[in-house]
All heavy atoms as atom14 arrays in JSON, in Angstrom:
{
  "sequence": "KMEEFVWSEPDILPLFQNDVVLASLYVDDKEELPEDQKTKIDLG",
  "atom14_mask": [
    [1, 1, 1, 1, 1, 1, 1, 1, 1, 0, 0, 0, 0, 0],
    [1, 1, 1, 1, 1, 1, 1, 1, 0, 0, 0, 0, 0, 0],
    [1, 1, 1, 1, 1, 1, 1, 1, 1, 0, 0, 0, 0, 0],
    [1, 1, 1, 1, 1, 1, 1, 1, 1, 0, 0, 0, 0, 0],
    [1, 1, 1, 1, 1, 1, 1, 1, 1, 1, 1, 0, 0, 0],
    [1, 1, 1, 1, 1, 1, 1, 0, 0, 0, 0, 0, 0, 0],
    [1, 1, 1, 1, 1, 1, 1, 1, 1, 1, 1, 1, 1, 1],
    [1, 1, 1, 1, 1, 1, 0, 0, 0, 0, 0, 0, 0, 0],
    [1, 1, 1, 1, 1, 1, 1, 1, 1, 0, 0, 0, 0, 0],
    [1, 1, 1, 1, 1, 1, 1, 0, 0, 0, 0, 0, 0, 0],
    [1, 1, 1, 1, 1, 1, 1, 1, 0, 0, 0, 0, 0, 0],
    [1, 1, 1, 1, 1, 1, 1, 1, 0, 0, 0, 0, 0, 0],
    [1, 1, 1, 1, 1, 1, 1, 1, 0, 0, 0, 0, 0, 0],
    [1, 1, 1, 1, 1, 1, 1, 0, 0, 0, 0, 0, 0, 0],
    [1, 1, 1, 1, 1, 1, 1, 1, 0, 0, 0, 0, 0, 0],
    [1, 1, 1, 1, 1, 1, 1, 1, 1, 1, 1, 0, 0, 0],
    [1, 1, 1, 1, 1, 1, 1, 1, 1, 0, 0, 0, 0, 0],
    [1, 1, 1, 1, 1, 1, 1, 1, 0, 0, 0, 0, 0, 0],
    [1, 1, 1, 1, 1, 1, 1, 1, 0, 0, 0, 0, 0, 0],
    [1, 1, 1, 1, 1, 1, 1, 0, 0, 0, 0, 0, 0, 0],
    [1, 1, 1, 1, 1, 1, 1, 0, 0, 0, 0, 0, 0, 0],
    [1, 1, 1, 1, 1, 1, 1, 1, 0, 0, 0, 0, 0, 0],
    [1, 1, 1, 1, 1, 0, 0, 0, 0, 0, 0, 0, 0, 0],
    [1, 1, 1, 1, 1, 1, 0, 0, 0, 0, 0, 0, 0, 0],
    [1, 1, 1, 1, 1, 1, 1, 1, 0, 0, 0, 0, 0, 0],
    [1, 1, 1, 1, 1, 1, 1, 1, 1, 1, 1, 1, 0, 0],
    [1, 1, 1, 1, 1, 1, 1, 0, 0, 0, 0, 0, 0, 0],
    [1, 1, 1, 1, 1, 1, 1, 1, 0, 0, 0, 0, 0, 0],
    [1, 1, 1, 1, 1, 1, 1, 1, 0, 0, 0, 0, 0, 0],
    [1, 1, 1, 1, 1, 1, 1, 1, 1, 0, 0, 0, 0, 0],
    [1, 1, 1, 1, 1, 1, 1, 1, 1, 0, 0, 0, 0, 0],
    [1, 1, 1, 1, 1, 1, 1, 1, 1, 0, 0, 0, 0, 0],
    [1, 1, 1, 1, 1, 1, 1, 1, 0, 0, 0, 0, 0, 0],
    [1, 1, 1, 1, 1, 1, 1, 0, 0, 0, 0, 0, 0, 0],
    [1, 1, 1, 1, 1, 1, 1, 1, 1, 0, 0, 0, 0, 0],
    [1, 1, 1, 1, 1, 1, 1, 1, 0, 0, 0, 0, 0, 0],
    [1, 1, 1, 1, 1, 1, 1, 1, 1, 0, 0, 0, 0, 0],
    [1, 1, 1, 1, 1, 1, 1, 1, 1, 0, 0, 0, 0, 0],
    [1, 1, 1, 1, 1, 1, 1, 0, 0, 0, 0, 0, 0, 0],
    [1, 1, 1, 1, 1, 1, 1, 1, 1, 0, 0, 0, 0, 0],
    [1, 1, 1, 1, 1, 1, 1, 1, 0, 0, 0, 0, 0, 0],
    [1, 1, 1, 1, 1, 1, 1, 1, 0, 0, 0, 0, 0, 0],
    [1, 1, 1, 1, 1, 1, 1, 1, 0, 0, 0, 0, 0, 0],
    [1, 1, 1, 1, 0, 0, 0, 0, 0, 0, 0, 0, 0, 0]
  ],
  "atom14_positions": [
    [[6.34, 11.14, 3.24], [6.07, 12.62, 3.45], [4.49, 12.61, 3.75], [4.02, 13.46, 4.47], [6.5, 13.45, 2.33], [7.91, 13.59, 2.12], [8.3, 14.28, 0.79], [7.83, 15.63, 0.67], [8.22, 16.23, -0.73], [0.0, 0.0, 0.0], [0.0, 0.0, 0.0], [0.0, 0.0, 0.0], [0.0, 0.0, 0.0], [0.0, 0.0, 0.0]],
    [[3.74, 11.95, 2.87], [2.3, 11.97, 3.05], [1.97, 11.46, 4.5], [1.1, 12.18, 5.16], [1.59, 11.2, 1.9], [1.48, 11.84, 0.61], [0.38, 13.33, 0.69], [-1.25, 12.6, 0.99], [0.0, 0.0, 0.0], [0.0, 0.0, 0.0], [0.0, 0.0, 0.0], [0.0, 0.0, 0.0], [0.0, 0.0, 0.0], [0.0, 0.0, 0.0]],
    [[2.57, 10.37, 4.8], [2.26, 9.75, 6.11], [2.59, 10.69, 7.35], [1.8, 10.9, 8.24], [2.86, 8.48, 6.35], [2.43, 7.31, 5.27], [3.47, 6.26, 5.14], [4.5, 6.1, 5.88], [3.19, 5.45, 4.26], [0.0, 0.0, 0.0], [0.0, 0.0, 0.0], [0.0, 0.0, 0.0], [0.0, 0.0, 0.0], [0.0, 0.0, 0.0]],
    [[3.71, 11.36, 7.18], [4.29, 12.19, 8.32], [3.56, 13.58, 8.34], [3.2, 14.06, 9.43], [5.73, 12.38, 8.22], [6.29, 13.1, 9.35], [7.76, 13.19, 9.44], [8.38, 12.26, 8.76], [8.37, 14.11, 10.09], [0.0, 0.0, 0.0], [0.0, 0.0, 0.0], [0.0, 0.0, 0.0], [0.0, 0.0, 0.0], [0.0, 0.0, 0.0]],
    [[3.41, 14.21, 7.24], [2.92, 15.56, 7.11], [1.43, 15.71, 6.93], [1.0, 16.81, 7.13], [3.87, 16.25, 6.1], [5.24, 16.29, 6.31], [6.1, 16.26, 5.28], [5.74, 16.19, 7.61], [7.59, 16.19, 5.56], [7.1, 16.07, 7.88], [7.99, 16.05, 6.84], [0.0, 0.0, 0.0], [0.0, 0.0, 0.0], [0.0, 0.0, 0.0]],
    [[0.8, 14.72, 6.26], [-0.64, 14.89, 5.93], [-1.54, 14.02, 6.7], [-2.49, 14.34, 7.33], [-0.84, 14.68, 4.47], [-2.32, 14.77, 3.99], [-0.03, 15.6, 3.59], [0.0, 0.0, 0.0], [0.0, 0.0, 0.0], [0.0, 0.0, 0.0], [0.0, 0.0, 0.0], [0.0, 0.0, 0.0], [0.0, 0.0, 0.0], [0.0, 0.0, 0.0]],
    [[-1.26, 12.67, 6.75], [-2.12, 11.68, 7.46], [-2.04, 11.96, 8.88], [-3.17, 11.85, 9.66], [-1.53, 10.35, 7.34], [-1.54, 9.69, 6.0], [-1.84, 10.21, 4.81], [-1.42, 8.19, 5.7], [-1.87, 9.24, 3.77], [-1.6, 8.13, 4.32], [-1.18, 7.1, 6.45], [-1.37, 6.87, 3.68], [-1.11, 5.89, 5.83], [-1.27, 5.68, 4.5]],
    [[-0.97, 12.51, 9.43], [-0.97, 12.77, 10.99], [-1.62, 13.99, 11.4], [-1.76, 14.17, 12.59], [0.53, 12.84, 11.31], [1.12, 13.95, 10.67], [0.0, 0.0, 0.0], [0.0, 0.0, 0.0], [0.0, 0.0, 0.0], [0.0, 0.0, 0.0], [0.0, 0.0, 0.0], [0.0, 0.0, 0.0], [0.0, 0.0, 0.0], [0.0, 0.0, 0.0]],
    [[-2.35, 14.7, 10.48], [-2.9, 15.93, 10.94], [-4.15, 15.55, 11.7], [-4.85, 14.56, 11.46], [-3.45, 16.76, 9.61], [-2.25, 17.4, 8.88], [-1.73, 18.56, 9.63], [-2.52, 19.25, 10.46], [-0.46, 18.88, 9.56], [0.0, 0.0, 0.0], [0.0, 0.0, 0.0], [0.0, 0.0, 0.0], [0.0, 0.0, 0.0], [0.0, 0.0, 0.0]],
    [[-4.38, 16.38, 12.89], [-5.47, 16.0, 13.8], [-6.84, 15.82, 13.13], [-7.69, 15.23, 13.66], [-5.37, 17.14, 14.85], [-4.69, 18.18, 14.2], [-3.69, 17.55, 13.19], [0.0, 0.0, 0.0], [0.0, 0.0, 0.0], [0.0, 0.0, 0.0], [0.0, 0.0, 0.0], [0.0, 0.0, 0.0], [0.0, 0.0, 0.0], [0.0, 0.0, 0.0]],
    [[-7.11, 16.53, 12.01], [-8.41, 16.49, 11.42], [-8.52, 15.48, 10.31], [-9.48, 15.25, 9.61], [-8.91, 17.83, 10.94], [-7.86, 18.45, 9.99], [-6.7, 17.97, 10.0], [-8.21, 19.38, 9.26], [0.0, 0.0, 0.0], [0.0, 0.0, 0.0], [0.0, 0.0, 0.0], [0.0, 0.0, 0.0], [0.0, 0.0, 0.0], [0.0, 0.0, 0.0]],
    [[-7.35, 14.75, 9.96], [-7.34, 13.65, 9.0], [-7.17, 12.3, 9.58], [-7.85, 11.34, 9.23], [-6.2, 14.06, 7.96], [-6.6, 15.21, 7.18], [-6.02, 12.83, 7.07], [-5.54, 15.52, 6.15], [0.0, 0.0, 0.0], [0.0, 0.0, 0.0], [0.0, 0.0, 0.0], [0.0, 0.0, 0.0], [0.0, 0.0, 0.0], [0.0, 0.0, 0.0]],
    [[-6.2, 12.13, 10.53], [-6.08, 10.99, 11.27], [-7.24, 10.17, 11.75], [-7.33, 9.02, 11.57], [-5.05, 10.99, 12.38], [-4.44, 9.84, 13.02], [-3.77, 8.87, 12.05], [-3.49, 10.05, 14.09], [0.0, 0.0, 0.0], [0.0, 0.0, 0.0], [0.0, 0.0, 0.0], [0.0, 0.0, 0.0], [0.0, 0.0, 0.0], [0.0, 0.0, 0.0]],
    [[-8.17, 10.95, 12.37], [-9.44, 10.31, 12.79], [-10.26, 9.62, 11.64], [-10.88, 8.57, 11.88], [-10.21, 11.31, 13.48], [-9.34, 12.39, 13.86], [-8.11, 12.45, 12.82], [0.0, 0.0, 0.0], [0.0, 0.0, 0.0], [0.0, 0.0, 0.0], [0.0, 0.0, 0.0], [0.0, 0.0, 0.0], [0.0, 0.0, 0.0], [0.0, 0.0, 0.0]],
    [[-10.1, 10.14, 10.48], [-10.8, 9.63, 9.32], [-10.22, 8.14, 9.05], [-10.93, 7.19, 8.67], [-10.63, 10.49, 8.19], [-11.43, 11.73, 8.14], [-11.13, 12.54, 6.96], [-12.88, 11.55, 8.29], [0.0, 0.0, 0.0], [0.0, 0.0, 0.0], [0.0, 0.0, 0.0], [0.0, 0.0, 0.0], [0.0, 0.0, 0.0], [0.0, 0.0, 0.0]],
    [[-8.92, 8.1, 9.18], [-8.2, 6.77, 8.94], [-8.67, 5.72, 10.08], [-8.92, 4.68, 9.86], [-6.68, 6.99, 9.02], [-6.16, 7.47, 7.68], [-5.95, 8.81, 7.51], [-5.7, 6.52, 6.69], [-5.34, 9.27, 6.34], [-5.02, 7.01, 5.55], [-5.03, 8.3, 5.34], [0.0, 0.0, 0.0], [0.0, 0.0, 0.0], [0.0, 0.0, 0.0]],
    [[-8.64, 6.23, 11.26], [-8.88, 5.3, 12.39], [-10.31, 4.95, 12.5], [-10.63, 3.77, 13.03], [-8.54, 6.17, 13.8], [-7.02, 6.48, 13.77], [-6.64, 7.3, 14.89], [-7.49, 8.16, 15.35], [-5.42, 7.23, 15.39], [0.0, 0.0, 0.0], [0.0, 0.0, 0.0], [0.0, 0.0, 0.0], [0.0, 0.0, 0.0], [0.0, 0.0, 0.0]],
    [[-11.29, 5.73, 12.05], [-12.65, 5.43, 12.4], [-13.59, 5.19, 11.16], [-14.6, 4.52, 11.31], [-13.29, 6.67, 13.1], [-12.6, 7.05, 14.51], [-12.21, 6.13, 15.04], [-12.52, 8.29, 14.65], [0.0, 0.0, 0.0], [0.0, 0.0, 0.0], [0.0, 0.0, 0.0], [0.0, 0.0, 0.0], [0.0, 0.0, 0.0], [0.0, 0.0, 0.0]],
    [[-13.14, 5.66, 9.98], [-14.21, 5.71, 8.89], [-13.72, 4.85, 7.69], [-14.56, 4.65, 6.86], [-14.33, 7.13, 8.4], [-14.94, 8.11, 9.49], [-15.94, 7.54, 10.18], [-14.64, 9.19, 9.6], [0.0, 0.0, 0.0], [0.0, 0.0, 0.0], [0.0, 0.0, 0.0], [0.0, 0.0, 0.0], [0.0, 0.0, 0.0], [0.0, 0.0, 0.0]],
    [[-12.57, 4.33, 7.61], [-11.99, 3.55, 6.52], [-11.31, 2.39, 6.99], [-10.84, 2.31, 8.16], [-11.18, 4.35, 5.47], [-11.98, 5.59, 4.89], [-9.87, 4.83, 6.23], [0.0, 0.0, 0.0], [0.0, 0.0, 0.0], [0.0, 0.0, 0.0], [0.0, 0.0, 0.0], [0.0, 0.0, 0.0], [0.0, 0.0, 0.0], [0.0, 0.0, 0.0]],
    [[-11.21, 1.29, 6.05], [-10.36, 0.19, 6.29], [-8.98, 0.51, 5.28], [-9.22, 0.6, 4.23], [-10.89, -1.07, 5.82], [-9.93, -2.14, 5.9], [-12.01, -1.44, 6.91], [0.0, 0.0, 0.0], [0.0, 0.0, 0.0], [0.0, 0.0, 0.0], [0.0, 0.0, 0.0], [0.0, 0.0, 0.0], [0.0, 0.0, 0.0], [0.0, 0.0, 0.0]],
    [[-7.91, 0.74, 5.97], [-6.77, 1.06, 5.32], [-5.96, -0.25, 4.75], [-5.68, -1.15, 5.47], [-5.71, 1.8, 6.1], [-4.38, 2.27, 5.56], [-4.61, 3.14, 4.16], [-3.52, 2.95, 6.61], [0.0, 0.0, 0.0], [0.0, 0.0, 0.0], [0.0, 0.0, 0.0], [0.0, 0.0, 0.0], [0.0, 0.0, 0.0], [0.0, 0.0, 0.0]],
    [[-5.82, -0.28, 3.39], [-5.09, -1.31, 2.83], [-3.87, -0.77, 2.09], [-3.99, -0.12, 1.0], [-5.94, -1.98, 1.69], [0.0, 0.0, 0.0], [0.0, 0.0, 0.0], [0.0, 0.0, 0.0], [0.0, 0.0, 0.0], [0.0, 0.0, 0.0], [0.0, 0.0, 0.0], [0.0, 0.0, 0.0], [0.0, 0.0, 0.0], [0.0, 0.0, 0.0]],
    [[-2.81, -0.97, 2.75], [-1.51, -0.5, 2.19], [-0.86, -1.39, 1.52], [-0.33, -2.55, 1.92], [-0.52, 0.01, 3.41], [-1.06, 1.16, 3.9], [0.0, 0.0, 0.0], [0.0, 0.0, 0.0], [0.0, 0.0, 0.0], [0.0, 0.0, 0.0], [0.0, 0.0, 0.0], [0.0, 0.0, 0.0], [0.0, 0.0, 0.0], [0.0, 0.0, 0.0]],
    [[-0.84, -1.32, 0.17], [-0.24, -2.4, -0.79], [1.12, -1.91, -1.18], [1.22, -0.95, -2.04], [-1.24, -2.64, -1.88], [-2.61, -2.95, -1.6], [-3.45, -3.22, -2.91], [-2.71, -4.12, -0.71], [0.0, 0.0, 0.0], [0.0, 0.0, 0.0], [0.0, 0.0, 0.0], [0.0, 0.0, 0.0], [0.0, 0.0, 0.0], [0.0, 0.0, 0.0]],
    [[2.22, -2.65, -0.9], [3.54, -2.27, -1.19], [3.97, -2.77, -2.54], [4.11, -4.02, -2.69], [4.49, -2.61, -0.09], [4.45, -1.91, 1.16], [3.41, -2.06, 2.14], [5.32, -0.85, 1.42], [3.23, -1.39, 3.25], [5.18, -0.08, 2.59], [4.13, -0.25, 3.42], [4.05, 0.46, 4.57], [0.0, 0.0, 0.0], [0.0, 0.0, 0.0]],
    [[4.18, -2.02, -3.5], [4.57, -2.32, -4.78], [5.98, -2.84, -4.95], [6.4, -3.23, -6.01], [4.28, -1.27, -5.82], [2.67, -0.94, -5.83], [4.98, 0.09, -5.55], [0.0, 0.0, 0.0], [0.0, 0.0, 0.0], [0.0, 0.0, 0.0], [0.0, 0.0, 0.0], [0.0, 0.0, 0.0], [0.0, 0.0, 0.0], [0.0, 0.0, 0.0]],
    [[6.78, -2.48, -3.81], [8.2, -2.99, -3.85], [8.49, -3.95, -2.86], [9.53, -4.3, -2.44], [9.17, -1.74, -3.66], [8.8, -1.0, -2.4], [7.89, -1.46, -1.67], [9.59, -0.05, -2.11], [0.0, 0.0, 0.0], [0.0, 0.0, 0.0], [0.0, 0.0, 0.0], [0.0, 0.0, 0.0], [0.0, 0.0, 0.0], [0.0, 0.0, 0.0]],
    [[7.36, -4.83, -2.48], [7.54, -5.77, -1.54], [8.41, -7.04, -2.22], [7.89, -7.55, -3.35], [6.26, -6.53, -1.16], [6.3, -7.41, 0.06], [7.42, -8.23, 0.1], [5.42, -7.51, 0.77], [0.0, 0.0, 0.0], [0.0, 0.0, 0.0], [0.0, 0.0, 0.0], [0.0, 0.0, 0.0], [0.0, 0.0, 0.0], [0.0, 0.0, 0.0]],
    [[9.58, -7.43, -1.71], [10.44, -8.37, -2.38], [10.14, -9.93, -2.01], [10.78, -10.76, -2.57], [11.89, -8.01, -1.94], [12.47, -6.61, -2.52], [12.34, -6.6, -4.02], [12.93, -5.31, -4.47], [12.82, -5.09, -5.88], [0.0, 0.0, 0.0], [0.0, 0.0, 0.0], [0.0, 0.0, 0.0], [0.0, 0.0, 0.0], [0.0, 0.0, 0.0]],
    [[9.2, -10.1, -1.23], [8.8, -11.44, -1.03], [8.37, -12.14, -2.28], [7.41, -11.7, -2.91], [7.76, -11.5, 0.1], [7.44, -12.97, 0.56], [6.44, -13.04, 1.63], [6.23, -12.06, 2.23], [5.81, -14.17, 1.74], [0.0, 0.0, 0.0], [0.0, 0.0, 0.0], [0.0, 0.0, 0.0], [0.0, 0.0, 0.0], [0.0, 0.0, 0.0]],
    [[8.96, -13.31, -2.52], [8.73, -13.97, -3.85], [7.39, -14.68, -3.9], [6.85, -15.22, -2.75], [9.82, -15.0, -4.25], [11.08, -14.35, -4.51], [11.92, -15.04, -5.51], [11.55, -16.21, -5.87], [13.07, -14.6, -5.75], [0.0, 0.0, 0.0], [0.0, 0.0, 0.0], [0.0, 0.0, 0.0], [0.0, 0.0, 0.0], [0.0, 0.0, 0.0]],
    [[6.62, -14.66, -4.95], [5.45, -15.39, -5.13], [5.72, -16.93, -5.29], [6.89, -17.34, -5.66], [4.68, -15.0, -6.45], [4.17, -13.47, -6.35], [3.78, -13.19, -7.87], [2.95, -13.45, -5.58], [0.0, 0.0, 0.0], [0.0, 0.0, 0.0], [0.0, 0.0, 0.0], [0.0, 0.0, 0.0], [0.0, 0.0, 0.0], [0.0, 0.0, 0.0]],
    [[4.73, -17.74, -4.98], [4.98, -19.25, -5.27], [5.32, -19.32, -6.74], [4.95, -18.7, -7.64], [3.58, -19.73, -4.94], [2.9, -18.83, -4.03], [3.43, -17.46, -4.42], [0.0, 0.0, 0.0], [0.0, 0.0, 0.0], [0.0, 0.0, 0.0], [0.0, 0.0, 0.0], [0.0, 0.0, 0.0], [0.0, 0.0, 0.0], [0.0, 0.0, 0.0]],
    [[5.99, -20.55, -7.04], [6.52, -20.64, -8.34], [5.33, -20.75, -9.54], [5.46, -20.27, -10.52], [7.34, -22.02, -8.36], [8.6, -21.99, -7.77], [9.5, -20.85, -8.4], [9.46, -20.75, -9.61], [10.31, -20.22, -7.75], [0.0, 0.0, 0.0], [0.0, 0.0, 0.0], [0.0, 0.0, 0.0], [0.0, 0.0, 0.0], [0.0, 0.0, 0.0]],
    [[4.22, -21.39, -9.06], [3.11, -21.41, -10.07], [2.35, -20.05, -10.36], [1.42, -19.93, -11.21], [2.07, -22.49, -9.53], [1.46, -22.06, -8.22], [1.93, -21.2, -7.58], [0.53, -22.85, -7.86], [0.0, 0.0, 0.0], [0.0, 0.0, 0.0], [0.0, 0.0, 0.0], [0.0, 0.0, 0.0], [0.0, 0.0, 0.0], [0.0, 0.0, 0.0]],
    [[2.76, -18.95, -9.52], [2.14, -17.63, -9.77], [3.18, -16.68, -10.51], [2.79, -15.55, -10.86], [1.78, -17.21, -8.49], [0.57, -17.86, -7.81], [0.19, -17.3, -6.47], [0.11, -15.9, -6.41], [-0.14, -18.0, -5.52], [0.0, 0.0, 0.0], [0.0, 0.0, 0.0], [0.0, 0.0, 0.0], [0.0, 0.0, 0.0], [0.0, 0.0, 0.0]],
    [[4.43, -17.09, -10.64], [5.38, -16.41, -11.41], [5.2, -16.31, -12.88], [4.68, -17.39, -13.45], [6.86, -16.72, -10.96], [7.22, -16.56, -9.61], [8.57, -17.09, -9.37], [9.0, -16.84, -7.88], [10.41, -17.41, -7.65], [0.0, 0.0, 0.0], [0.0, 0.0, 0.0], [0.0, 0.0, 0.0], [0.0, 0.0, 0.0], [0.0, 0.0, 0.0]],
    [[5.4, -15.35, -13.6], [5.18, -15.26, -14.95], [6.02, -14.09, -15.6], [6.75, -13.3, -15.07], [3.71, -14.97, -15.26], [3.45, -15.18, -16.71], [3.27, -13.51, -14.87], [0.0, 0.0, 0.0], [0.0, 0.0, 0.0], [0.0, 0.0, 0.0], [0.0, 0.0, 0.0], [0.0, 0.0, 0.0], [0.0, 0.0, 0.0], [0.0, 0.0, 0.0]],
    [[6.03, -14.15, -16.91], [6.66, -13.11, -17.87], [5.69, -12.55, -18.78], [4.86, -13.29, -19.19], [7.9, -13.62, -18.4], [9.0, -14.07, -17.6], [10.21, -14.69, -18.28], [11.35, -15.1, -17.5], [12.52, -15.55, -18.3], [0.0, 0.0, 0.0], [0.0, 0.0, 0.0], [0.0, 0.0, 0.0], [0.0, 0.0, 0.0], [0.0, 0.0, 0.0]],
    [[5.83, -11.16, -19.03], [4.88, -10.69, -20.03], [5.84, -9.89, -21.07], [6.58, -9.05, -20.71], [3.92, -9.62, -19.27], [3.12, -10.36, -18.24], [3.09, -8.96, -20.24], [2.28, -9.62, -17.48], [0.0, 0.0, 0.0], [0.0, 0.0, 0.0], [0.0, 0.0, 0.0], [0.0, 0.0, 0.0], [0.0, 0.0, 0.0], [0.0, 0.0, 0.0]],
    [[5.55, -10.25, -22.29], [6.3, -9.63, -23.41], [5.68, -8.24, -23.67], [4.62, -7.99, -24.03], [6.08, -10.51, -24.66], [7.0, -9.91, -25.86], [7.73, -8.97, -25.53], [6.96, -10.57, -26.94], [0.0, 0.0, 0.0], [0.0, 0.0, 0.0], [0.0, 0.0, 0.0], [0.0, 0.0, 0.0], [0.0, 0.0, 0.0], [0.0, 0.0, 0.0]],
    [[6.54, -7.09, -23.52], [6.16, -5.87, -23.76], [6.52, -5.31, -25.07], [6.29, -4.11, -25.52], [6.81, -4.9, -22.72], [6.52, -5.15, -21.13], [7.17, -4.22, -20.31], [5.07, -5.17, -20.96], [0.0, 0.0, 0.0], [0.0, 0.0, 0.0], [0.0, 0.0, 0.0], [0.0, 0.0, 0.0], [0.0, 0.0, 0.0], [0.0, 0.0, 0.0]],
    [[7.23, -6.21, -25.93], [7.61, -5.82, -27.31], [8.93, -5.09, -27.16], [9.45, -4.63, -26.12], [0.0, 0.0, 0.0], [0.0, 0.0, 0.0], [0.0, 0.0, 0.0], [0.0, 0.0, 0.0], [0.0, 0.0, 0.0], [0.0, 0.0, 0.0], [0.0, 0.0, 0.0], [0.0, 0.0, 0.0], [0.0, 0.0, 0.0], [0.0, 0.0, 0.0]]
  ]
}
């Protein structure tokens, strides 16, 4: 919704295109890490 209704506004989209480097980090990317980077964390 943000991408379609807010980012696309004509006075906001140029800020993305000209003034910043956009780093979209997907927190649900299912590609697995190498085995030596996998871990478990005890939350109690």
